[in-house]
């Protein structure tokens, strides 16, 4: 008798309890359940992405011959501008003029460095919109070398900024226009 009890317990422990026992009702997790149903495995919710290829130049490197880390952020800034140009169909200057903003300043950034890039390396920077809020949005960057190895993963949060009409020396976050939100892949 003892061996049968041990066997049933082992089935229970390994998730095979449906042989002898009724399945319990699945727990619901409230708002997390809605997110899981919407974005969980098998669901694809894609924001806009763009890949830009470039060659590491001599001016990007330090005396050791590897890319000096602030240069990566300059590359990511150019990649964000290229992402917007690809999504909207016009360049950054035209974007500023059409939407009456002064820019898309960065308010948060960070990076994880996995391996160095060297002078002459062919790299691809994949930039992807991570999230879109009322007046801010996030961009994730992944820099891969020609051998396929990821050198850096970075993120940045930017604000759709305009001048304050009451005070010239202040800027404020302005809501992203519906056209821009739609082209970047935000849900309505």
Protein backbone atom coordinates (compact mmCIF):
# COMPACT_ATOMS: atom_id res chain seq x y z
CA UNK A 1 0.00 0.00 0.00
CA UNK A 2 2.81 2.42 0.86
CA UNK A 3 4.36 2.10 -2.61
CA UNK A 4 1.01 3.01 -4.24
CA UNK A 5 0.78 6.15 -2.14
CA UNK A 6 4.35 7.11 -3.05
CA UNK A 7 3.58 6.50 -6.74
CA UNK A 8 0.46 8.69 -6.64
CA UNK A 9 2.42 11.43 -4.83
CA UNK A 10 5.17 11.27 -7.45
CA UNK A 11 2.57 11.66 -10.21
CA UNK A 12 1.15 14.65 -8.38
CA UNK A 13 4.59 16.19 -7.96
CA UNK A 14 5.41 15.84 -11.67
CA UNK A 15 2.14 17.38 -12.83
CA UNK A 16 0.42 14.10 -13.75
CA UNK A 17 -2.41 14.44 -11.22
CA UNK A 18 -5.04 14.37 -13.97
CA UNK A 19 -4.90 10.53 -13.96
CA UNK A 20 -6.61 10.15 -10.62
CA UNK A 21 -7.73 13.59 -9.58
CA UNK A 22 -9.91 16.25 -11.10
CA UNK A 23 -8.10 19.24 -12.48
CA UNK A 24 -8.39 22.28 -10.28
CA UNK A 25 -9.91 25.42 -11.69
CA UNK A 26 -7.20 27.69 -13.12
CA UNK A 27 -6.43 30.74 -11.07
CA UNK A 28 -7.04 34.11 -12.63
CA UNK A 29 -4.56 36.87 -12.09
CA UNK A 30 -6.73 39.93 -12.67
CA UNK A 31 -5.07 42.59 -14.83
CA UNK A 32 -2.02 40.39 -15.40
CA UNK A 33 -4.25 37.75 -16.96
CA UNK A 34 -5.47 40.28 -19.54
CA UNK A 35 -1.87 41.15 -20.43
CA UNK A 36 -0.98 37.46 -20.68
CA UNK A 37 -3.96 36.79 -22.97
CA UNK A 38 -3.00 39.73 -25.15
CA UNK A 39 0.81 39.44 -25.34
CA UNK A 40 1.58 35.92 -24.08
CA UNK A 41 3.21 33.07 -26.02
CA UNK A 42 1.83 32.66 -29.48
CA UNK A 43 0.60 36.27 -29.59
CA UNK A 44 2.51 38.73 -31.72
CA UNK A 45 2.29 42.42 -31.02
CA UNK A 46 4.92 44.14 -33.08
CA UNK A 47 6.01 47.71 -32.90
CA UNK A 48 7.98 49.25 -35.76
CA UNK A 49 11.62 48.22 -36.16
CA UNK A 50 14.42 49.26 -38.49
CA UNK A 51 17.90 47.86 -39.09
CA UNK A 52 20.77 50.14 -40.03
CA UNK A 53 24.13 48.79 -41.21
CA UNK A 54 27.38 50.65 -40.78
CA UNK A 55 31.13 50.25 -40.55
CA UNK A 56 32.95 51.23 -37.37
CA UNK A 57 35.16 54.22 -38.25
CA UNK A 58 38.55 55.19 -36.85
CA UNK A 59 37.04 58.24 -35.12
CA UNK A 60 34.69 55.99 -33.13
CA UNK A 61 37.59 54.14 -31.48
CA UNK A 62 39.86 54.84 -28.53
CA UNK A 63 43.65 54.22 -28.56
CA UNK A 64 43.05 50.52 -27.79
CA UNK A 65 41.23 50.18 -31.12
CA UNK A 66 37.79 49.45 -29.67
CA UNK A 67 34.73 51.68 -29.85
CA UNK A 68 34.70 54.33 -27.13
CA UNK A 69 31.38 53.77 -25.31
CA UNK A 70 29.83 57.28 -25.79
CA UNK A 71 30.14 56.76 -29.55
CA UNK A 72 27.63 53.91 -29.29
CA UNK A 73 25.04 56.37 -27.97
CA UNK A 74 25.71 58.67 -30.94
CA UNK A 75 25.15 55.66 -33.23
CA UNK A 76 21.91 54.86 -31.40
CA UNK A 77 20.73 58.47 -31.73
CA UNK A 78 21.30 58.32 -35.50
CA UNK A 79 19.51 54.95 -35.58
CA UNK A 80 16.49 56.46 -33.80
CA UNK A 81 16.38 59.24 -36.42
CA UNK A 82 16.62 56.60 -39.18
CA UNK A 83 13.83 54.58 -37.53
CA UNK A 84 11.53 57.62 -37.56
CA UNK A 85 12.48 58.45 -41.16
CA UNK A 86 11.64 54.88 -42.23
CA UNK A 87 8.36 54.84 -40.29
CA UNK A 88 7.07 58.29 -41.23
CA UNK A 89 8.53 58.62 -44.72
CA UNK A 90 10.32 61.90 -44.05
CA UNK A 91 13.51 62.97 -42.24
CA UNK A 92 13.90 64.38 -38.74
CA UNK A 93 14.02 68.01 -39.87
CA UNK A 94 10.72 67.60 -41.72
CA UNK A 95 9.25 65.78 -38.68
CA UNK A 96 10.12 68.74 -36.43
CA UNK A 97 8.63 71.21 -38.92
CA UNK A 98 5.40 69.29 -39.62
CA UNK A 99 4.54 68.53 -36.01
CA UNK A 100 5.73 71.80 -34.42
CA UNK A 101 8.08 70.20 -31.92
CA UNK A 102 11.62 71.09 -30.95
CA UNK A 103 12.86 67.51 -30.83
CA UNK A 104 12.68 64.15 -29.13
CA UNK A 105 15.10 64.53 -26.21
CA UNK A 106 16.33 61.50 -24.32
CA UNK A 107 15.29 61.34 -20.66
CA UNK A 108 16.59 57.86 -19.76
CA UNK A 109 19.12 55.49 -21.26
CA UNK A 110 21.12 52.42 -20.42
CA UNK A 111 23.16 49.69 -22.05
CA UNK A 112 24.62 46.25 -21.50
CA UNK A 113 27.97 45.63 -23.15
CA UNK A 114 28.71 42.02 -24.12
CA UNK A 115 31.71 42.25 -26.45
CA UNK A 116 33.77 45.07 -27.97
CA UNK A 117 33.50 46.34 -31.53
CA UNK A 118 36.71 47.27 -33.34
CA UNK A 119 37.77 49.59 -36.12
CA UNK A 120 36.54 48.27 -39.46
CA UNK A 121 33.86 45.96 -38.05
CA UNK A 122 30.67 45.72 -40.06
CA UNK A 123 27.77 46.09 -37.61
CA UNK A 124 23.98 46.14 -37.80
CA UNK A 125 21.93 48.17 -35.35
CA UNK A 126 18.35 46.96 -34.99
CA UNK A 127 16.18 49.66 -33.42
CA UNK A 128 12.69 48.75 -32.24
CA UNK A 129 9.95 50.79 -30.59
CA UNK A 130 9.48 49.24 -27.15
CA UNK A 131 6.49 51.20 -25.85
CA UNK A 132 4.44 54.31 -26.59
CA UNK A 133 2.77 56.37 -23.88
CA UNK A 134 0.99 59.72 -24.08
CA UNK A 135 4.04 61.90 -24.75
CA UNK A 136 6.96 59.49 -24.31
CA UNK A 137 8.18 56.39 -26.06
CA UNK A 138 10.92 53.83 -25.65
CA UNK A 139 13.39 52.51 -28.19
CA UNK A 140 15.48 49.35 -27.80
CA UNK A 141 18.69 48.98 -29.78
CA UNK A 142 20.65 45.82 -30.46
CA UNK A 143 24.07 46.11 -32.09
CA UNK A 144 25.26 42.91 -33.78
CA UNK A 145 28.59 42.27 -35.43
CA UNK A 146 28.92 40.58 -38.83
CA UNK A 147 29.58 37.23 -37.10
CA UNK A 148 26.08 37.47 -35.54
CA UNK A 149 27.31 38.10 -32.00
CA UNK A 150 25.40 40.73 -30.04
CA UNK A 151 27.85 43.37 -28.85
CA UNK A 152 25.42 45.72 -27.08
CA UNK A 153 21.80 45.94 -26.06
CA UNK A 154 20.61 49.41 -25.13
CA UNK A 155 17.37 51.18 -24.30
CA UNK A 156 16.31 54.79 -24.30
CA UNK A 157 13.21 56.72 -23.31
CA UNK A 158 12.42 59.86 -25.27
CA UNK A 159 9.82 62.61 -25.04
CA UNK A 160 7.88 64.28 -27.86
CA UNK A 161 8.82 67.82 -26.78
CA UNK A 162 7.54 71.28 -27.69
CA UNK A 163 8.31 74.77 -26.40
CA UNK A 164 6.14 76.15 -23.65
CA UNK A 165 4.22 79.05 -25.26
CA UNK A 166 4.11 80.97 -21.97
CA UNK A 167 7.84 80.67 -21.15
CA UNK A 168 10.35 80.47 -23.98
CA UNK A 169 13.05 78.81 -21.87
CA UNK A 170 10.87 75.78 -20.95
CA UNK A 171 9.87 72.71 -22.86
CA UNK A 172 7.08 70.24 -22.13
CA UNK A 173 5.95 66.83 -23.30
CA UNK A 174 3.32 67.06 -25.99
CA UNK A 175 1.03 64.09 -26.88
CA UNK A 176 2.28 62.06 -29.84
CA UNK A 177 0.08 62.73 -32.89
CA UNK A 178 -2.25 59.91 -33.95
CA UNK A 179 -0.45 59.62 -37.32
CA UNK A 180 2.89 59.03 -35.61
CA UNK A 181 1.44 56.59 -33.07
CA UNK A 182 -0.18 54.57 -35.84
CA UNK A 183 2.95 54.39 -37.99
CA UNK A 184 5.08 53.33 -35.02
CA UNK A 185 2.71 50.49 -34.27
CA UNK A 186 0.79 51.69 -31.21
CA UNK A 187 -2.63 50.20 -30.61
CA UNK A 188 -5.55 52.58 -30.70
